[in-house]
Amino acid sequence: MNVDYPGLRRLFSAGERTTTEAVARAAREGEVVLLALRADPGLAPWLEAPARRQLVIDATLEQALAVAAEVLQGAPVVLLKGTAAGRLVYPDSALRFRRDLDLLVADLRDVRARLLRIGFVDRVDPARAAAGPASVRAWPMAWRAPFGEVELDLHQRVLAYPWCELGPAALLAHAIPATPLPITDPLDTLVHTAVHLVDSGLRQPLKAWVDVHRLAAVVDARALCERARAYRAHTATWAVLDVCQRWFGTTLALPPPVHAAALRFLLGGMGAHPHRRLLAHGRARDVARLLLADDVSARARYLLSRLV
């Protein structure tokens, strides 16, 4: 079996057999089915059905996005996360698995009203609905398509993490043109993905690690360092790139923080799959979040949030 896509053969700890069936299972769980199938067509008996489902979901999402873009042209909006990564660093955006769409908006009420007029509907629980759109970080909406319903989350805040200052104004200002709507630029997309990874205890699917690995190949290390420091997310970005360097051979390197050794211990050292690292456990995640904060005030804000 020839699986040459970066990382697929390193999904397992020592002692587990990397059989074709095991690689296919890891591809399904990691949401990299189409990438694995492109790397090794011999996986088709195990991946053909989920690959078809992924293509249908992607086509439906793209259809919903095209409909939304008709009424959002010129509005201050930017596509986030998987949609941005798919358009930036994949030869075909369908290769990047998505379940929904994430759209950062400057004026949530205006964008929501425009989408309601063309058939989108709210998908929010009664308590959040009663508080109103301005009270939430992301307002879920849905669009009914012939093949099912897809969700579009309207974000007015990017992150809910008190140790990071990755704000909507900067992402909107750095947005780059794309079809059918603008997307976050590679630097912002990488930092956003890294922060999301570390706050989840590195328990995001393999697709997020592939995003970082691919984005690292198209950005400049100095520019990334400056952008990450501006968002107070340098340490978080370093931590994710450090894992990628050891796991996927990613070559981009950032200056390590002063507590790099402690972070590496929490990240599990060499040889462990990111999903099985110590950082996935609650106590270690709390310690890691303190280490990931780039300044004393950020650590204080995090501790205060935990006390509250």
Protein backbone atom coordinates (compact mmCIF):
# COMPACT_ATOMS: atom_id res chain seq x y z
CA MET A 1 0.00 0.00 0.00
CA ASN A 2 1.32 3.43 -0.91
CA VAL A 3 -0.13 6.19 1.27
CA ASP A 4 2.20 9.13 0.76
CA TYR A 5 -0.02 11.93 2.03
CA PRO A 6 1.85 13.64 4.92
CA GLY A 7 0.91 12.21 8.28
CA LEU A 8 -1.38 9.33 7.32
CA ARG A 9 1.22 6.70 8.17
CA ARG A 10 2.02 8.42 11.46
CA LEU A 11 -1.49 8.31 12.87
CA PHE A 12 -0.79 5.34 15.08
CA SER A 13 1.43 4.80 18.09
CA ALA A 14 4.03 2.04 18.10
CA GLY A 15 2.52 -1.42 18.18
CA GLU A 16 -0.58 -0.68 16.08
CA ARG A 17 -0.67 -2.14 12.61
CA THR A 18 -1.07 0.40 9.84
CA THR A 19 -3.32 -1.72 7.64
CA THR A 20 -5.23 -0.38 4.66
CA GLU A 21 -8.47 -0.68 6.63
CA ALA A 22 -6.93 1.18 9.59
CA VAL A 23 -5.75 4.05 7.37
CA ALA A 24 -9.22 4.26 5.83
CA ARG A 25 -10.79 4.39 9.29
CA ALA A 26 -8.37 7.13 10.35
CA ALA A 27 -9.18 9.08 7.18
CA ARG A 28 -12.90 8.91 7.98
CA GLU A 29 -12.41 9.92 11.62
CA GLY A 30 -9.98 12.68 10.66
CA GLU A 31 -12.31 13.99 7.92
CA VAL A 32 -9.67 13.71 5.19
CA VAL A 33 -11.45 11.10 3.08
CA LEU A 34 -11.00 12.77 -0.32
CA LEU A 35 -7.36 13.57 0.41
CA ALA A 36 -6.62 9.98 1.40
CA LEU A 37 -8.46 8.64 -1.63
CA ARG A 38 -6.50 10.93 -3.94
CA ALA A 39 -3.23 9.78 -2.31
CA ASP A 40 -4.11 6.09 -2.61
CA PRO A 41 -6.97 4.98 -4.92
CA GLY A 42 -6.63 1.54 -3.34
CA LEU A 43 -8.61 2.89 -0.38
CA ALA A 44 -11.75 3.13 -2.56
CA PRO A 45 -13.47 -0.01 -1.17
CA TRP A 46 -13.49 1.62 2.28
CA LEU A 47 -13.88 5.29 1.32
CA GLU A 48 -16.06 5.42 -1.79
CA ALA A 49 -19.35 5.89 0.08
CA PRO A 50 -18.13 8.61 2.51
CA ALA A 51 -16.39 10.32 -0.41
CA ARG A 52 -19.71 10.55 -2.28
CA ARG A 53 -21.41 11.95 0.82
CA GLN A 54 -18.68 14.54 1.24
CA LEU A 55 -19.04 15.68 -2.37
CA VAL A 56 -22.81 16.04 -1.98
CA ILE A 57 -22.41 18.05 1.25
CA ASP A 58 -19.77 20.27 -0.34
CA ALA A 59 -21.90 20.93 -3.42
CA THR A 60 -24.87 21.85 -1.20
CA LEU A 61 -22.72 24.20 0.88
CA GLU A 62 -21.41 25.87 -2.27
CA GLN A 63 -24.95 26.29 -3.55
CA ALA A 64 -26.03 27.90 -0.25
CA LEU A 65 -22.97 30.15 -0.36
CA ALA A 66 -23.75 31.30 -3.91
CA VAL A 67 -27.33 32.13 -2.90
CA ALA A 68 -26.14 34.09 0.15
CA ALA A 69 -23.52 35.95 -1.88
CA GLU A 70 -26.19 37.37 -4.19
CA VAL A 71 -27.47 39.61 -1.39
CA LEU A 72 -24.16 40.11 0.45
CA GLN A 73 -22.01 41.56 -2.33
CA GLY A 74 -20.27 44.67 -1.04
CA ALA A 75 -21.20 44.02 2.59
CA PRO A 76 -18.34 43.89 5.15
CA VAL A 77 -18.21 40.10 5.50
CA VAL A 78 -15.47 37.46 5.31
CA LEU A 79 -15.55 33.66 5.14
CA LEU A 80 -13.70 31.88 7.94
CA LYS A 81 -12.04 28.59 8.83
CA GLY A 82 -12.55 25.61 6.52
CA THR A 83 -14.00 27.57 3.63
CA ALA A 84 -11.06 29.98 3.70
CA ALA A 85 -8.48 27.20 3.98
CA GLY A 86 -10.12 25.23 1.17
CA ARG A 87 -9.82 28.17 -1.21
CA LEU A 88 -6.32 29.13 -0.11
CA VAL A 89 -4.29 25.91 -0.04
CA TYR A 90 -6.24 23.07 -1.68
CA PRO A 91 -6.25 22.41 -5.44
CA ASP A 92 -9.99 21.77 -5.12
CA SER A 93 -11.86 23.32 -2.22
CA ALA A 94 -14.04 20.19 -1.99
CA LEU A 95 -10.99 18.34 -0.66
CA ARG A 96 -11.36 20.28 2.58
CA PHE A 97 -14.24 18.63 4.46
CA ARG A 98 -16.89 21.02 5.87
CA ARG A 99 -20.15 20.57 7.70
CA ASP A 100 -21.27 24.19 7.62
CA LEU A 101 -20.26 27.71 6.65
CA ASP A 102 -18.78 30.36 8.96
CA LEU A 103 -19.17 34.01 8.02
CA LEU A 104 -17.71 36.92 9.98
CA VAL A 105 -19.95 39.98 9.70
CA ALA A 106 -19.56 43.60 10.77
CA ASP A 107 -23.33 44.14 11.11
CA LEU A 108 -25.11 40.95 12.17
CA ARG A 109 -28.61 42.42 12.11
CA ASP A 110 -28.24 43.72 8.56
CA VAL A 111 -26.77 40.48 7.19
CA ARG A 112 -29.36 38.35 9.00
CA ALA A 113 -32.20 40.48 7.60
CA ARG A 114 -30.84 40.13 4.06
CA LEU A 115 -30.58 36.35 4.39
CA LEU A 116 -34.07 36.01 5.89
CA ARG A 117 -35.49 37.77 2.82
CA ILE A 118 -34.09 35.11 0.44
CA GLY A 119 -35.18 32.03 2.37
CA PHE A 120 -32.60 31.45 5.09
CA VAL A 121 -34.11 30.66 8.49
CA ASP A 122 -32.86 31.00 12.08
CA ARG A 123 -31.62 27.87 13.82
CA VAL A 124 -31.24 29.12 17.37
CA ASP A 125 -32.61 27.87 20.70
CA PRO A 126 -35.37 29.95 22.38
CA ALA A 127 -33.13 31.34 25.14
CA ARG A 128 -30.60 32.72 22.68
CA ALA A 129 -33.35 33.95 20.38
CA ALA A 130 -34.96 35.89 23.24
CA ALA A 131 -31.64 37.59 23.99
CA GLY A 132 -31.29 38.69 20.36
CA PRO A 133 -28.54 38.43 17.76
CA ALA A 134 -26.29 41.02 19.40
CA SER A 135 -25.89 38.84 22.51
CA VAL A 136 -24.18 35.86 20.87
CA ARG A 137 -20.80 35.19 19.28
CA ALA A 138 -22.32 33.20 16.41
CA TRP A 139 -25.90 33.26 15.15
CA PRO A 140 -26.86 30.01 13.36
CA MET A 141 -29.00 30.15 10.23
CA ALA A 142 -29.94 27.42 7.78
CA TRP A 143 -30.78 27.07 4.11
CA ARG A 144 -32.93 24.28 2.73
CA ALA A 145 -31.51 22.63 -0.37
CA PRO A 146 -32.84 19.75 -2.50
CA PHE A 147 -30.36 17.38 -0.81
CA GLY A 148 -30.93 18.59 2.74
CA GLU A 149 -30.36 21.54 5.02
CA VAL A 150 -27.04 23.31 5.58
CA GLU A 151 -26.07 25.73 8.35
CA LEU A 152 -24.50 29.16 8.06
CA ASP A 153 -23.11 30.64 11.28
CA LEU A 154 -22.94 34.43 11.39
CA HIS A 155 -20.03 35.45 13.64
CA GLN A 156 -19.80 38.92 15.13
CA ARG A 157 -16.92 37.85 17.38
CA VAL A 158 -14.18 35.51 16.24
CA LEU A 159 -13.05 33.87 19.48
CA ALA A 160 -14.26 33.63 23.04
CA TYR A 161 -10.78 33.14 24.49
CA PRO A 162 -9.66 35.83 26.99
CA TRP A 163 -5.95 35.28 26.25
CA CYS A 164 -6.16 36.10 22.54
CA GLU A 165 -6.94 39.33 20.72
CA LEU A 166 -7.86 37.97 17.32
CA GLY A 167 -10.61 40.48 16.61
CA PRO A 168 -13.14 40.87 13.79
CA ALA A 169 -11.95 44.32 12.69
CA ALA A 170 -8.47 43.01 11.83
CA LEU A 171 -9.77 39.98 9.95
CA LEU A 172 -12.14 42.12 7.92
CA ALA A 173 -9.35 44.59 7.16
CA HIS A 174 -6.97 41.82 6.01
CA ALA A 175 -9.61 39.94 3.97
CA ILE A 176 -8.69 39.05 0.41
CA PRO A 177 -11.03 38.90 -2.60
CA ALA A 178 -12.42 35.50 -3.54
CA THR A 179 -15.43 33.98 -5.25
CA PRO A 180 -18.18 34.36 -4.22
CA LEU A 181 -17.22 36.25 -1.01
CA PRO A 182 -13.96 37.48 0.56
CA ILE A 183 -11.92 35.09 2.73
CA THR A 184 -9.44 35.54 5.56
CA ASP A 185 -5.86 35.87 4.37
CA PRO A 186 -3.38 32.97 4.90
CA LEU A 187 -1.76 34.51 8.00
CA ASP A 188 -5.08 35.09 9.76
CA THR A 189 -6.39 31.69 8.70
CA LEU A 190 -3.33 29.94 10.15
CA VAL A 191 -3.40 31.83 13.46
CA HIS A 192 -7.17 31.33 13.80
CA THR A 193 -6.79 27.58 13.18
CA ALA A 194 -3.91 27.31 15.64
CA VAL A 195 -5.78 29.09 18.43
CA HIS A 196 -8.85 26.93 17.80
CA LEU A 197 -6.69 23.79 17.98
CA VAL A 198 -4.97 24.58 21.25
CA ASP A 199 -8.13 25.70 23.02
CA SER A 200 -9.77 22.37 22.14
CA GLY A 201 -6.82 20.50 23.66
CA LEU A 202 -5.56 19.59 20.16
CA ARG A 203 -8.62 17.40 19.73
CA GLN A 204 -9.70 18.78 16.37
CA PRO A 205 -9.81 16.27 13.49
CA LEU A 206 -6.80 15.66 11.27
CA LYS A 207 -8.23 18.08 8.69
CA ALA A 208 -7.30 21.04 10.94
CA TRP A 209 -3.69 19.84 11.17
CA VAL A 210 -3.58 19.47 7.39
CA ASP A 211 -4.79 23.07 7.11
CA VAL A 212 -1.89 24.28 9.27
CA HIS A 213 0.63 22.12 7.41
CA ARG A 214 -0.50 23.47 4.03
CA LEU A 215 -0.85 27.09 5.17
CA ALA A 216 2.67 27.01 6.60
CA ALA A 217 3.97 26.34 3.10
CA VAL A 218 2.57 29.61 1.71
CA VAL A 219 3.30 32.13 4.48
CA ASP A 220 6.47 33.90 5.55
CA ALA A 221 7.70 33.02 9.05
CA ARG A 222 8.56 36.61 9.96
CA ALA A 223 5.18 37.91 8.78
CA LEU A 224 3.39 35.12 10.66
CA CYS A 225 5.35 35.88 13.81
CA GLU A 226 4.41 39.57 13.60
CA ARG A 227 0.74 38.78 12.96
CA ALA A 228 0.57 36.20 15.77
CA ARG A 229 2.22 38.60 18.23
CA ALA A 230 -0.23 41.34 17.25
CA TYR A 231 -3.05 38.98 18.23
CA ARG A 232 -1.21 37.81 21.38
CA ALA A 233 -1.28 34.32 19.91
CA HIS A 234 2.40 33.73 19.17
CA THR A 235 2.79 30.97 21.75
CA ALA A 236 -0.35 29.16 20.63
CA THR A 237 0.77 29.33 17.01
CA TRP A 238 4.24 28.10 17.95
CA ALA A 239 2.77 25.16 19.87
CA VAL A 240 0.70 23.98 16.90
CA LEU A 241 3.56 24.44 14.42
CA ASP A 242 5.85 22.53 16.78
CA VAL A 243 3.50 19.55 16.68
CA CYS A 244 3.23 19.84 12.89
CA GLN A 245 7.01 19.95 12.51
CA ARG A 246 7.41 16.73 14.46
CA TRP A 247 4.45 14.98 12.89
CA PHE A 248 4.28 16.15 9.30
CA GLY A 249 7.71 17.60 8.66
CA THR A 250 6.35 21.15 8.42
CA THR A 251 9.32 23.43 7.83
CA LEU A 252 8.02 26.81 9.02
CA ALA A 253 9.50 27.71 12.42
CA LEU A 254 8.68 30.52 14.85
CA PRO A 255 10.91 31.69 17.73
CA PRO A 256 10.04 29.49 20.74
CA PRO A 257 8.58 31.01 23.90
CA VAL A 258 10.67 30.99 27.05
CA HIS A 259 8.63 28.09 28.44
CA ALA A 260 8.93 25.95 25.30
CA ALA A 261 10.14 22.93 27.29
CA ALA A 262 7.08 22.99 29.53
CA LEU A 263 4.78 23.32 26.53
CA ARG A 264 6.46 20.40 24.77
CA PHE A 265 5.91 18.27 27.86
CA LEU A 266 2.20 19.13 27.84
CA LEU A 267 2.03 18.52 24.10
CA GLY A 268 3.12 14.95 24.74
CA GLY A 269 6.64 14.87 23.31
CA MET A 270 7.55 12.86 20.26
CA GLY A 271 5.65 9.90 18.91
CA ALA A 272 2.15 10.43 20.30
CA HIS A 273 -0.77 11.27 18.09
CA PRO A 274 -2.12 14.78 18.81
CA HIS A 275 -5.50 13.33 19.83
CA ARG A 276 -3.82 11.30 22.58
CA ARG A 277 -1.59 13.97 24.06
CA LEU A 278 -1.67 15.02 27.66
CA LEU A 279 -3.12 18.37 26.64
CA ALA A 280 -6.41 16.63 25.86
CA HIS A 281 -7.08 16.21 29.60
CA GLY A 282 -8.79 18.89 31.64
CA ARG A 283 -6.14 19.79 34.24
CA ALA A 284 -3.35 19.88 31.67
CA ARG A 285 -5.49 22.03 29.38
CA ASP A 286 -5.89 24.61 32.17
CA VAL A 287 -2.13 24.71 32.74
CA ALA A 288 -1.48 24.86 29.00
CA ARG A 289 -3.84 27.78 28.52
CA LEU A 290 -1.85 29.75 31.07
CA LEU A 291 1.38 28.89 29.26
CA LEU A 292 -0.19 29.79 25.92
CA ALA A 293 -1.06 33.30 27.07
CA ASP A 294 1.56 35.67 25.67
CA ASP A 295 1.56 38.22 28.49
CA VAL A 296 0.79 38.59 32.19
CA SER A 297 -2.44 40.50 31.62
CA ALA A 298 -3.74 37.70 29.36
CA ARG A 299 -2.96 35.12 32.05
CA ALA A 300 -4.81 37.26 34.59
CA ARG A 301 -7.83 37.53 32.28
CA TYR A 302 -7.86 33.76 31.83
CA LEU A 303 -7.61 33.08 35.58
CA LEU A 304 -10.43 35.56 36.22
CA SER A 305 -12.61 33.88 33.60
CA ARG A 306 -12.02 30.50 35.28
CA LEU A 307 -12.89 31.89 38.71
CA VAL A 308 -16.10 33.38 37.34
